[in-house]
Amino acid sequence: MPKMKTKRGAAKRFRASGSGRVRRNQAYTSHILTKKNSKRKRNLRKGAMVSEADTRSVKRMLPYL
């Protein structure tokens, strides 16, 4: 059986945490930053976990995660 292909766009956006959950970056950090206050921008730097509802579809896109 051939190797399964990874969705390259997903591979650049998601990675596994130590406990096996899927980590992601926050959205809303790339432009129109002048109207966002410093506290909001600082908190957006932190990563987040993918929700349980979306984890199954992310793991399907990343078969070797």
Protein backbone atom coordinates (compact mmCIF):
# COMPACT_ATOMS: atom_id res chain seq x y z
CA MET A 1 0.00 0.00 0.00
CA PRO A 2 1.44 3.43 -0.87
CA LYS A 3 2.21 6.07 1.70
CA MET A 4 -0.59 8.48 2.55
CA LYS A 5 -0.11 12.09 1.50
CA THR A 6 -0.18 14.91 4.03
CA LYS A 7 -2.14 18.08 3.27
CA ARG A 8 0.75 20.52 3.16
CA GLY A 9 -1.35 23.55 4.10
CA ALA A 10 -2.48 21.79 7.26
CA ALA A 11 1.06 20.66 8.07
CA LYS A 12 2.16 24.30 8.17
CA ARG A 13 -0.66 25.31 10.52
CA PHE A 14 -0.97 22.49 13.06
CA ARG A 15 1.40 20.47 15.23
CA ALA A 16 1.01 17.97 18.03
CA SER A 17 1.35 18.91 21.67
CA GLY A 18 3.13 16.73 24.19
CA SER A 19 -0.12 15.12 25.28
CA GLY A 20 -1.14 14.32 21.70
CA ARG A 21 -3.65 17.12 21.25
CA VAL A 22 -3.43 19.41 18.22
CA ARG A 23 -1.99 22.91 18.63
CA ARG A 24 -2.74 25.90 16.43
CA ASN A 25 -1.91 29.59 16.20
CA GLN A 26 -4.39 32.36 16.87
CA ALA A 27 -6.09 34.23 14.05
CA TYR A 28 -6.38 38.04 13.68
CA THR A 29 -2.65 38.77 14.06
CA SER A 30 -1.55 39.74 10.56
CA HIS A 31 -2.99 43.16 9.71
CA ILE A 32 -5.24 46.00 10.95
CA LEU A 33 -3.30 45.96 14.22
CA THR A 34 -3.61 49.67 15.04
CA LYS A 35 -7.11 49.39 16.45
CA LYS A 36 -6.28 46.37 18.61
CA ASN A 37 -4.88 47.22 22.01
CA SER A 38 -1.56 45.87 23.27
CA LYS A 39 -3.12 43.40 25.70
CA ARG A 40 -5.20 41.84 22.94
CA LYS A 41 -2.23 41.55 20.56
CA ARG A 42 -0.07 40.07 23.32
CA ASN A 43 -2.67 37.42 24.15
CA LEU A 44 -3.03 36.54 20.46
CA ARG A 45 0.64 35.53 20.38
CA LYS A 46 -0.12 32.52 22.55
CA GLY A 47 -1.05 29.29 20.85
CA ALA A 48 -4.34 27.48 21.34
CA MET A 49 -5.68 23.97 21.05
CA VAL A 50 -7.91 22.82 18.21
CA SER A 51 -11.43 22.17 19.48
CA GLU A 52 -12.61 18.61 19.95
CA ALA A 53 -15.12 19.05 17.12
CA ASP A 54 -12.36 19.90 14.62
CA THR A 55 -9.65 17.52 15.84
CA ARG A 56 -10.92 14.57 13.82
CA SER A 57 -10.80 16.45 10.51
CA VAL A 58 -7.34 17.88 11.28
CA LYS A 59 -5.96 14.43 12.09
CA ARG A 60 -7.40 13.12 8.83
CA MET A 61 -5.44 15.79 6.93
CA LEU A 62 -2.26 14.88 8.87
CA PRO A 63 -2.02 11.09 8.86
CA TYR A 64 1.45 11.03 10.48
CA LEU A 65 0.74 13.55 13.26
